[in-house]
Amino acid sequence: MERTKINVLLNLEKTPGPVLIKGWVRTKRDSKEFCFLEINDGSCLKNIQVIAQNDLANYPDIQTITTGTSVAVTGPLSPSPGKGQKWEVPATDIDIISLAPESYPLQKKRHSDEFLRTIAHLRPRTNKYGAGFRLRSEMAFAIHKFYKEQGFRYLTAPLITGSDCEGAGEMFRVTSLDPKTVKEQGKMDFTADFFGQESNLTVSGQLSAEMFALALGDVYTFGPTFRAENSNTSRHVAEFWMLEPEMAFCDLKESMDHGETLVKYLTRHAMEECPEDMALFTSFVDKSLPKRIDTLLNTPFARISYTQAIDILQKSNKKFDFKVDYGTDLQSEHERFLAEEYFKTPVFLTDYPKEIKPFYMRVNDDGKTVAAVDLLVPQIGELIGGSQREERLAVLKNRMAEMNLPMEKYWWYLDSRRFGSVPHSGFGMGFERFLMMLTGISNIRDVIPFPRTPGSIDF
């Protein structure tokens, strides 16, 4: 008999006859004549109840079943008299696939997030993390669906790169050089390395996406990016996923319009396709989530300049840990104040001083600011960061000179401005930060399957 997943069974309108389910035992209740098993197979949040009568040939073995045991159950799908469940399965056969020992670490119903991070290989079996990673899967699908509908082309940007998009220098080095030889020479001779030059794991697919946008029109990259930042905050991991659309013939306003449409689309998709899992986050993670979701869906996002934001912050009479000064990057506390307390809605900040932004952002007519944009959202702070790109060759070269960037290393990037340059824009959206916003989960390590953080790479 072919196995049927529990999410399919629970949505059936009528009984199909005998069914075969396979999954893991969440709970078991015993009596002399029968026992109840709650089975979950990961396909949905809900379990299905199985009734095992004592006339089953292997009933003594069934009584030894423990939490975490994997089983295969055959039986009819019957209407359940129990409250809150539509169907149950009176078992005609229960096969114990693998009996979990008493040392199985998920015996209790609730565990701390800190404890579950130490067993990241098992935490998807809990309700919260199962819901979170089902949602993550659905949101990845929704991203591709959105961009398919928008007529974009998907680009798989390289993970190994010879350029630093952000100019931050916090990159993981990729090398085939023998450590023993490096030690003997007292240096790393990159001319003898695999690529003949220094190479790193990418922090962004943007520069590659720009090349393809200037050929295919509208493209997006969606994949892992890496940053060797020795940070242990709730918002940082060393390996994370970024969505990066890049759009030809697109200015900053149109890029903001696109970002707002994207966030609303993905949020609506989550509510429509994952209502059960989203309800769990409202009940057990963040009870203010429904109001925040309603704001995301039904309120226009605010738009102000960086200069206006600085003025608002300085006049707010709010005590911040970090001082607010023009010409410095905003801290998370500043971003959250603007989104949560002042505007009470997501807000786009534009036109930052050029000194605090990368070389590729378009210089505004004032010569002092660039056409940059950040989207700040409640509970998270910065969700999206992007800009209109500098399409003018002479201006771009001048900016690179100001920042002491070697132009010969970026010859291919300059070629895109030399041969048929056009105005274009794009941004990066942190996928994990979006999931945090959607679920109310406050630590980025809890929305990524196996978090990579300083000193931790066990799994």
Protein backbone atom coordinates (compact mmCIF):
# COMPACT_ATOMS: atom_id res chain seq x y z
CA MET A 1 0.00 0.00 0.00
CA GLU A 2 1.25 3.49 -0.83
CA ARG A 3 1.93 5.82 2.08
CA THR A 4 -0.32 8.89 2.49
CA LYS A 5 0.98 11.99 4.24
CA ILE A 6 -0.89 13.25 7.27
CA ASN A 7 -1.58 16.71 5.82
CA VAL A 8 -3.39 15.01 2.93
CA LEU A 9 -5.43 12.74 5.22
CA LEU A 10 -6.56 15.56 7.49
CA ASN A 11 -7.96 17.48 4.51
CA LEU A 12 -9.97 14.62 3.03
CA GLU A 13 -13.72 15.05 2.93
CA LYS A 14 -14.53 11.34 2.92
CA THR A 15 -12.79 8.12 3.94
CA PRO A 16 -10.78 6.39 1.19
CA GLY A 17 -10.65 2.97 2.88
CA PRO A 18 -7.50 1.59 4.51
CA VAL A 19 -4.54 3.98 4.66
CA LEU A 20 -0.84 3.67 5.43
CA ILE A 21 0.85 6.41 7.45
CA LYS A 22 4.47 6.63 8.54
CA GLY A 23 5.84 9.02 11.09
CA TRP A 24 7.16 9.60 14.59
CA VAL A 25 5.33 9.16 17.89
CA ARG A 26 4.81 12.45 19.67
CA THR A 27 2.87 11.08 22.66
CA LYS A 28 1.42 7.76 23.86
CA ARG A 29 -1.32 7.04 26.39
CA ASP A 30 -1.79 3.47 27.66
CA SER A 31 -4.63 1.43 29.09
CA LYS A 32 -5.21 -2.31 29.53
CA GLU A 33 -7.37 -2.63 26.43
CA PHE A 34 -5.86 -0.07 24.06
CA CYS A 35 -3.43 2.79 23.71
CA PHE A 36 -3.54 6.12 21.87
CA LEU A 37 -0.60 7.21 19.72
CA GLU A 38 -0.18 10.74 18.39
CA ILE A 39 1.71 10.47 15.08
CA ASN A 40 3.38 13.30 13.19
CA ASP A 41 5.20 12.98 9.87
CA GLY A 42 6.38 16.58 9.44
CA SER A 43 3.98 17.36 6.60
CA CYS A 44 1.93 19.65 8.85
CA LEU A 45 1.70 20.91 12.42
CA LYS A 46 -1.13 18.59 13.45
CA ASN A 47 -0.78 14.97 14.54
CA ILE A 48 -3.15 12.17 13.69
CA GLN A 49 -4.42 9.92 16.46
CA VAL A 50 -3.94 6.17 16.15
CA ILE A 51 -5.83 3.70 18.34
CA ALA A 52 -4.07 0.40 19.00
CA GLN A 53 -6.36 -2.33 20.43
CA ASN A 54 -4.90 -5.06 22.66
CA ASP A 55 -5.92 -7.73 20.14
CA LEU A 56 -3.10 -6.68 17.79
CA ALA A 57 -0.58 -9.51 17.53
CA ASN A 58 2.34 -7.31 18.62
CA TYR A 59 0.47 -5.33 21.30
CA PRO A 60 3.12 -6.07 24.00
CA ASP A 61 5.71 -4.50 21.66
CA ILE A 62 3.41 -1.55 20.98
CA GLN A 63 3.24 -0.88 24.71
CA THR A 64 7.03 -0.36 24.71
CA ILE A 65 6.80 2.46 22.15
CA THR A 66 8.43 5.67 23.36
CA THR A 67 8.35 9.30 22.30
CA GLY A 68 10.38 9.71 19.10
CA THR A 69 9.84 6.14 17.88
CA SER A 70 9.24 5.81 14.14
CA VAL A 71 6.29 3.64 13.08
CA ALA A 72 4.27 2.54 10.09
CA VAL A 73 0.52 2.27 10.73
CA THR A 74 -2.17 0.66 8.59
CA GLY A 75 -5.88 1.04 9.23
CA PRO A 76 -9.11 2.71 8.13
CA LEU A 77 -9.54 6.46 8.33
CA SER A 78 -12.47 6.97 10.70
CA PRO A 79 -14.34 10.04 11.94
CA SER A 80 -12.98 11.00 15.35
CA PRO A 81 -15.32 11.61 18.29
CA GLY A 82 -12.56 13.63 19.95
CA LYS A 83 -12.72 17.40 20.02
CA GLY A 84 -10.48 19.29 17.58
CA GLN A 85 -9.70 16.39 15.27
CA LYS A 86 -11.58 15.28 12.18
CA TRP A 87 -10.13 11.82 11.59
CA GLU A 88 -8.37 9.06 13.50
CA VAL A 89 -6.94 5.68 12.53
CA PRO A 90 -7.99 2.48 14.34
CA ALA A 91 -4.87 0.45 13.59
CA THR A 92 -5.05 -2.98 11.98
CA ASP A 93 -1.26 -3.17 11.92
CA ILE A 94 1.56 -1.21 13.60
CA ASP A 95 5.14 -1.82 12.53
CA ILE A 96 7.84 -0.37 14.78
CA ILE A 97 10.51 0.93 12.40
CA SER A 98 12.94 2.18 15.07
CA LEU A 99 12.40 2.33 18.81
CA ALA A 100 13.72 5.55 20.36
CA PRO A 101 15.56 5.09 23.67
CA GLU A 102 14.55 6.83 26.89
CA SER A 103 17.50 9.18 26.34
CA TYR A 104 15.69 10.82 23.40
CA PRO A 105 16.17 14.53 24.29
CA LEU A 106 12.74 15.82 23.20
CA GLN A 107 10.66 14.17 25.92
CA LYS A 108 9.21 17.40 27.31
CA LYS A 109 6.71 19.50 25.38
CA ARG A 110 8.66 22.76 25.83
CA HIS A 111 12.39 23.33 25.61
CA SER A 112 14.37 26.57 25.62
CA ASP A 113 15.68 27.89 22.32
CA GLU A 114 19.18 27.89 23.81
CA PHE A 115 18.97 24.15 24.53
CA LEU A 116 17.50 23.38 21.12
CA ARG A 117 20.38 25.17 19.37
CA THR A 118 22.69 22.56 20.89
CA ILE A 119 20.69 19.85 19.11
CA ALA A 120 19.99 21.65 15.84
CA HIS A 121 19.82 18.26 14.09
CA LEU A 122 16.76 17.30 16.19
CA ARG A 123 14.96 20.60 16.76
CA PRO A 124 12.93 20.44 13.49
CA ARG A 125 10.91 17.69 15.24
CA THR A 126 9.44 20.23 17.68
CA ASN A 127 6.25 22.11 16.82
CA LYS A 128 7.84 25.58 16.72
CA TYR A 129 10.81 24.65 14.58
CA GLY A 130 8.84 22.32 12.34
CA ALA A 131 6.46 25.21 11.65
CA GLY A 132 9.36 27.61 11.13
CA PHE A 133 11.16 25.46 8.60
CA ARG A 134 7.98 24.55 6.72
CA LEU A 135 7.36 28.30 6.45
CA ARG A 136 10.94 28.87 5.30
CA SER A 137 10.43 26.32 2.52
CA GLU A 138 7.15 27.90 1.45
CA MET A 139 8.65 31.40 1.42
CA ALA A 140 11.52 30.26 -0.78
CA PHE A 141 8.98 28.86 -3.22
CA ALA A 142 6.95 32.09 -3.02
CA ILE A 143 10.01 34.16 -3.94
CA HIS A 144 10.51 32.20 -7.14
CA LYS A 145 6.76 32.34 -7.84
CA PHE A 146 6.69 36.12 -7.40
CA TYR A 147 9.61 36.71 -9.74
CA LYS A 148 8.26 34.29 -12.31
CA GLU A 149 5.02 36.29 -12.32
CA GLN A 150 7.01 39.54 -12.59
CA GLY A 151 8.91 38.29 -15.65
CA PHE A 152 12.34 38.16 -13.98
CA ARG A 153 15.12 35.69 -14.82
CA TYR A 154 16.80 33.68 -12.06
CA LEU A 155 20.58 33.99 -11.84
CA THR A 156 22.81 31.64 -9.85
CA ALA A 157 25.61 34.03 -8.92
CA PRO A 158 29.04 32.56 -8.05
CA LEU A 159 29.76 31.78 -4.40
CA ILE A 160 33.52 32.07 -4.91
CA THR A 161 34.60 35.54 -5.95
CA GLY A 162 37.67 37.70 -6.45
CA SER A 163 35.93 40.97 -5.58
CA ASP A 164 34.51 42.45 -2.39
CA CYS A 165 31.12 43.97 -3.19
CA GLU A 166 30.68 45.82 0.08
CA GLY A 167 34.29 46.85 0.63
CA ALA A 168 34.08 45.69 4.23
CA GLY A 169 36.87 43.14 3.97
CA GLU A 170 35.12 40.69 6.34
CA MET A 171 35.26 37.75 3.94
CA PHE A 172 36.09 34.06 4.22
CA ARG A 173 39.18 33.21 2.21
CA VAL A 174 39.07 30.28 -0.22
CA THR A 175 42.42 28.66 -0.94
CA SER A 176 44.02 25.43 -2.07
CA LEU A 177 47.44 26.42 -0.73
CA ASP A 178 49.07 23.90 1.57
CA PRO A 179 49.25 25.29 5.14
CA LYS A 180 52.67 23.70 5.60
CA THR A 181 54.05 25.53 2.54
CA VAL A 182 52.48 28.82 3.66
CA LYS A 183 54.13 28.42 7.07
CA GLU A 184 57.52 27.69 5.50
CA GLN A 185 57.28 30.70 3.16
CA GLY A 186 55.92 32.98 5.84
CA LYS A 187 53.25 34.30 3.46
CA MET A 188 50.43 33.26 1.14
CA ASP A 189 51.57 33.30 -2.48
CA PHE A 190 48.24 33.74 -4.27
CA THR A 191 49.89 33.48 -7.69
CA ALA A 192 50.39 29.80 -6.87
CA ASP A 193 46.83 29.38 -5.61
CA PHE A 194 44.06 27.63 -7.54
CA PHE A 195 42.70 30.82 -9.16
CA GLY A 196 46.06 32.60 -9.33
CA GLN A 197 44.80 35.37 -7.07
CA GLU A 198 43.12 35.89 -3.71
CA SER A 199 39.56 34.54 -3.67
CA ASN A 200 36.78 34.55 -1.10
CA LEU A 201 33.26 33.42 -0.36
CA THR A 202 30.84 36.04 -1.61
CA VAL A 203 29.08 38.61 0.55
CA SER A 204 26.66 39.48 -2.27
CA GLY A 205 25.63 38.44 -5.75
CA GLN A 206 24.87 42.04 -6.71
CA LEU A 207 27.78 42.79 -9.03
CA SER A 208 27.10 39.61 -11.02
CA ALA A 209 23.38 40.42 -11.12
CA GLU A 210 24.14 43.87 -12.53
CA MET A 211 25.93 42.29 -15.49
CA PHE A 212 22.91 40.12 -16.28
CA ALA A 213 20.37 42.90 -15.71
CA LEU A 214 22.22 44.88 -18.38
CA ALA A 215 21.61 41.99 -20.76
CA LEU A 216 18.34 40.31 -19.72
CA GLY A 217 16.54 43.31 -18.21
CA ASP A 218 15.26 42.09 -14.84
CA VAL A 219 17.03 39.36 -12.90
CA TYR A 220 17.34 38.12 -9.32
CA THR A 221 19.74 36.00 -7.31
CA PHE A 222 18.67 33.99 -4.27
CA GLY A 223 21.23 31.99 -2.39
CA PRO A 224 23.75 31.79 0.44
CA THR A 225 26.16 34.62 1.22
CA PHE A 226 28.94 34.73 3.79
CA ARG A 227 30.51 37.22 6.15
CA ALA A 228 33.45 36.58 8.49
CA GLU A 229 32.17 39.02 11.10
CA ASN A 230 33.05 38.01 14.67
CA SER A 231 29.63 38.95 16.02
CA ASN A 232 27.43 37.06 18.47
CA THR A 233 24.30 39.20 18.26
CA SER A 234 20.78 37.91 17.63
CA ARG A 235 20.88 39.42 14.11
CA HIS A 236 24.12 37.98 12.73
CA VAL A 237 25.31 34.63 11.40
CA ALA A 238 28.29 33.85 9.20
CA GLU A 239 26.25 32.12 6.49
CA PHE A 240 22.88 33.54 5.49
CA TRP A 241 20.60 33.78 2.47
CA MET A 242 20.02 36.87 0.39
CA LEU A 243 17.42 37.75 -2.21
CA GLU A 244 18.85 40.29 -4.65
CA PRO A 245 16.78 41.63 -7.55
CA GLU A 246 18.49 43.84 -10.12
CA MET A 247 16.42 45.87 -12.58
CA ALA A 248 17.48 47.68 -15.76
CA PHE A 249 15.86 51.03 -16.68
CA CYS A 250 14.75 51.37 -13.05
CA ASP A 251 15.22 54.36 -10.74
CA LEU A 252 15.20 54.51 -6.94
CA LYS A 253 11.47 55.19 -6.63
CA GLU A 254 10.62 52.24 -8.84
CA SER A 255 12.97 50.06 -6.79
CA MET A 256 11.16 51.07 -3.59
CA ASP A 257 7.80 50.34 -5.23
CA HIS A 258 9.13 46.90 -6.14
CA GLY A 259 10.39 46.23 -2.60
CA GLU A 260 7.05 47.17 -1.05
CA THR A 261 5.16 44.99 -3.51
CA LEU A 262 7.50 42.08 -2.78
CA VAL A 263 7.14 42.26 1.02
CA LYS A 264 3.35 42.50 0.84
CA TYR A 265 3.16 39.62 -1.67
CA LEU A 266 5.29 37.28 0.45
CA THR A 267 3.43 38.17 3.64
CA ARG A 268 0.06 37.53 2.02
CA HIS A 269 1.31 34.23 0.60
CA ALA A 270 2.38 33.11 4.09
CA MET A 271 -1.02 33.92 5.56
CA GLU A 272 -2.89 32.16 2.77
CA GLU A 273 -0.71 29.07 2.40
CA CYS A 274 0.54 28.50 5.96
CA PRO A 275 -2.33 29.55 8.26
CA GLU A 276 -1.81 26.74 10.78
CA ASP A 277 1.91 27.36 11.19
CA MET A 278 1.42 31.14 11.32
CA ALA A 279 -1.21 30.66 14.05
CA LEU A 280 1.38 28.84 16.17
CA PHE A 281 3.69 31.86 16.09
CA THR A 282 0.84 34.13 17.17
CA SER A 283 -0.08 31.83 20.06
CA PHE A 284 3.34 30.86 21.36
CA VAL A 285 5.95 33.30 20.03
CA ASP A 286 4.55 36.82 19.55
CA LYS A 287 0.96 37.75 20.32
CA SER A 288 1.40 41.14 18.63
CA LEU A 289 2.04 39.41 15.30
CA PRO A 290 -1.52 39.78 13.85
CA LYS A 291 -1.41 43.56 14.24
CA ARG A 292 2.04 43.72 12.63
CA ILE A 293 0.94 41.51 9.75
CA ASP A 294 -2.13 43.68 9.22
CA THR A 295 0.09 46.77 9.05
CA LEU A 296 2.41 45.08 6.55
CA LEU A 297 -0.49 44.14 4.30
CA ASN A 298 -2.73 47.17 4.53
CA THR A 299 -0.62 50.24 5.27
CA PRO A 300 1.50 52.11 2.69
CA PHE A 301 5.16 52.14 3.68
CA ALA A 302 6.51 55.54 4.73
CA ARG A 303 9.34 57.20 2.77
CA ILE A 304 11.77 59.80 4.14
CA SER A 305 15.35 60.86 3.56
CA TYR A 306 18.27 60.02 5.83
CA THR A 307 18.53 63.72 6.70
CA GLN A 308 14.88 63.80 7.79
CA ALA A 309 15.42 60.64 9.83
CA ILE A 310 18.38 62.19 11.67
CA ASP A 311 16.25 65.24 12.45
CA ILE A 312 13.40 63.09 13.79
CA LEU A 313 15.75 61.07 15.98
CA GLN A 314 17.52 64.11 17.39
CA LYS A 315 14.22 65.79 18.27
CA SER A 316 12.59 62.67 19.70
CA ASN A 317 13.83 63.14 23.30
CA LYS A 318 14.40 59.38 23.28
CA LYS A 319 17.42 58.10 25.20
CA PHE A 320 19.51 56.00 22.85
CA ASP A 321 22.60 53.98 23.72
CA PHE A 322 24.29 55.27 20.57
CA LYS A 323 24.45 58.97 19.76
CA VAL A 324 22.64 60.19 16.67
CA ASP A 325 24.93 62.18 14.39
CA TYR A 326 24.64 63.15 10.74
CA GLY A 327 27.18 61.23 8.70
CA THR A 328 27.05 58.00 10.72
CA ASP A 329 25.15 54.78 10.11
CA LEU A 330 21.97 54.32 12.08
CA GLN A 331 22.06 51.66 14.79
CA SER A 332 19.38 49.01 15.25
CA GLU A 333 17.78 50.98 18.10
CA HIS A 334 17.42 54.04 15.84
CA GLU A 335 15.95 51.98 13.01
CA ARG A 336 13.44 50.27 15.28
CA PHE A 337 12.38 53.57 16.87
CA LEU A 338 11.53 54.98 13.46
CA ALA A 339 9.60 51.89 12.35
CA GLU A 340 7.95 50.88 15.64
CA GLU A 341 7.36 54.10 17.54
CA TYR A 342 7.45 57.05 15.17
CA PHE A 343 5.88 55.79 11.93
CA LYS A 344 4.41 52.52 13.32
CA THR A 345 4.86 51.06 9.84
CA PRO A 346 7.74 50.01 7.59
CA VAL A 347 9.69 53.03 6.37
CA PHE A 348 12.10 53.57 3.47
CA LEU A 349 15.12 55.78 4.22
CA THR A 350 16.83 57.31 1.20
CA ASP A 351 19.73 59.56 0.16
CA TYR A 352 22.53 58.72 2.59
CA PRO A 353 25.84 60.63 2.80
CA LYS A 354 28.14 59.12 0.18
CA GLU A 355 30.97 58.65 2.69
CA ILE A 356 29.12 55.83 4.48
CA LYS A 357 27.95 53.94 1.39
CA PRO A 358 29.70 51.70 -1.20
CA PHE A 359 31.24 52.94 -4.44
CA TYR A 360 28.55 51.63 -6.78
CA MET A 361 25.68 53.81 -5.48
CA ARG A 362 24.60 56.67 -7.74
CA VAL A 363 25.79 60.12 -6.65
CA ASN A 364 22.90 62.57 -6.30
CA ASP A 365 22.88 66.01 -7.88
CA ASP A 366 23.95 67.61 -4.59
CA GLY A 367 27.29 65.77 -4.86
CA LYS A 368 27.08 64.88 -1.16
CA THR A 369 24.56 62.05 -0.98
CA VAL A 370 23.88 58.87 -2.94
CA ALA A 371 20.64 57.30 -4.14
CA ALA A 372 20.68 54.65 -1.43
CA VAL A 373 17.65 53.11 0.27
CA ASP A 374 17.05 51.00 3.37
CA LEU A 375 13.70 49.52 4.37
CA LEU A 376 13.23 49.53 8.14
CA VAL A 377 10.55 47.29 9.64
CA PRO A 378 9.18 46.88 13.18
CA GLN A 379 10.95 44.36 15.46
CA ILE A 380 13.83 43.89 13.01
CA GLY A 381 15.26 47.20 11.84
CA GLU A 382 16.84 47.01 8.39
CA LEU A 383 15.22 44.41 6.14
CA ILE A 384 16.21 45.70 2.69
CA GLY A 385 19.29 47.64 1.62
CA GLY A 386 19.83 48.86 -1.92
CA SER A 387 20.34 51.75 -4.29
CA GLN A 388 20.16 53.10 -7.77
CA ARG A 389 23.50 52.10 -9.24
CA GLU A 390 26.01 54.59 -10.60
CA GLU A 391 25.68 54.16 -14.38
CA ARG A 392 27.98 57.05 -15.40
CA LEU A 393 31.48 55.76 -16.14
CA ALA A 394 33.35 58.93 -15.23
CA VAL A 395 31.50 59.38 -11.94
CA LEU A 396 31.95 55.70 -11.06
CA LYS A 397 35.70 55.85 -11.69
CA ASN A 398 35.94 58.98 -9.55
CA ARG A 399 34.13 57.26 -6.68
CA MET A 400 36.42 54.23 -6.91
CA ALA A 401 39.45 56.50 -6.80
CA GLU A 402 38.06 58.28 -3.73
CA MET A 403 37.73 54.90 -1.99
CA ASN A 404 41.15 53.64 -3.15
CA LEU A 405 39.69 50.69 -5.06
CA PRO A 406 41.95 49.13 -7.72
CA MET A 407 40.20 49.80 -11.03
CA GLU A 408 42.15 47.10 -12.85
CA LYS A 409 40.51 44.52 -10.59
CA TYR A 410 37.06 45.78 -11.57
CA TRP A 411 37.75 46.11 -15.31
CA TRP A 412 34.78 43.91 -16.14
CA TYR A 413 32.46 46.02 -13.95
CA LEU A 414 33.63 49.21 -15.64
CA ASP A 415 33.00 47.60 -19.03
CA SER A 416 29.28 47.44 -18.19
CA ARG A 417 29.30 51.25 -17.96
CA ARG A 418 31.52 51.61 -21.00
CA PHE A 419 29.30 49.61 -23.36
CA GLY A 420 25.65 50.68 -23.40
CA SER A 421 25.18 51.72 -19.80
CA VAL A 422 21.64 52.43 -18.54
CA PRO A 423 20.08 53.55 -15.25
CA HIS A 424 19.44 50.50 -13.06
CA SER A 425 18.62 49.69 -9.47
CA GLY A 426 18.50 46.80 -7.05
CA PHE A 427 18.56 45.74 -3.44
CA GLY A 428 19.28 42.88 -1.09
CA MET A 429 16.73 41.42 1.32
CA GLY A 430 17.97 39.21 4.12
CA PHE A 431 15.84 36.07 3.91
CA GLU A 432 16.34 35.17 7.58
CA ARG A 433 15.44 38.68 8.70
CA PHE A 434 12.26 38.48 6.66
CA LEU A 435 11.38 35.20 8.39
CA MET A 436 12.04 36.80 11.79
CA MET A 437 9.65 39.61 10.90
CA LEU A 438 7.01 37.13 9.76
CA THR A 439 7.20 34.79 12.76
CA GLY A 440 8.15 37.02 15.67
CA ILE A 441 11.20 34.83 16.32
CA SER A 442 13.79 37.16 17.81
CA ASN A 443 17.06 35.32 17.08
CA ILE A 444 18.32 34.75 13.55
CA ARG A 445 19.86 31.42 14.64
CA ASP A 446 16.35 30.04 15.05
CA VAL A 447 15.17 30.64 11.47
CA ILE A 448 18.10 29.00 9.69
CA PRO A 449 18.50 25.20 9.74
CA PHE A 450 22.13 25.00 10.90
CA PRO A 451 23.42 28.41 12.07
CA ARG A 452 27.09 29.20 11.44
CA THR A 453 28.42 31.45 14.18
CA PRO A 454 31.88 32.20 15.66
CA GLY A 455 33.26 29.05 17.25
CA SER A 456 30.30 26.88 16.22
CA ILE A 457 30.14 24.53 13.24
CA ASP A 458 29.20 21.22 14.88
CA PHE A 459 26.42 20.18 12.52
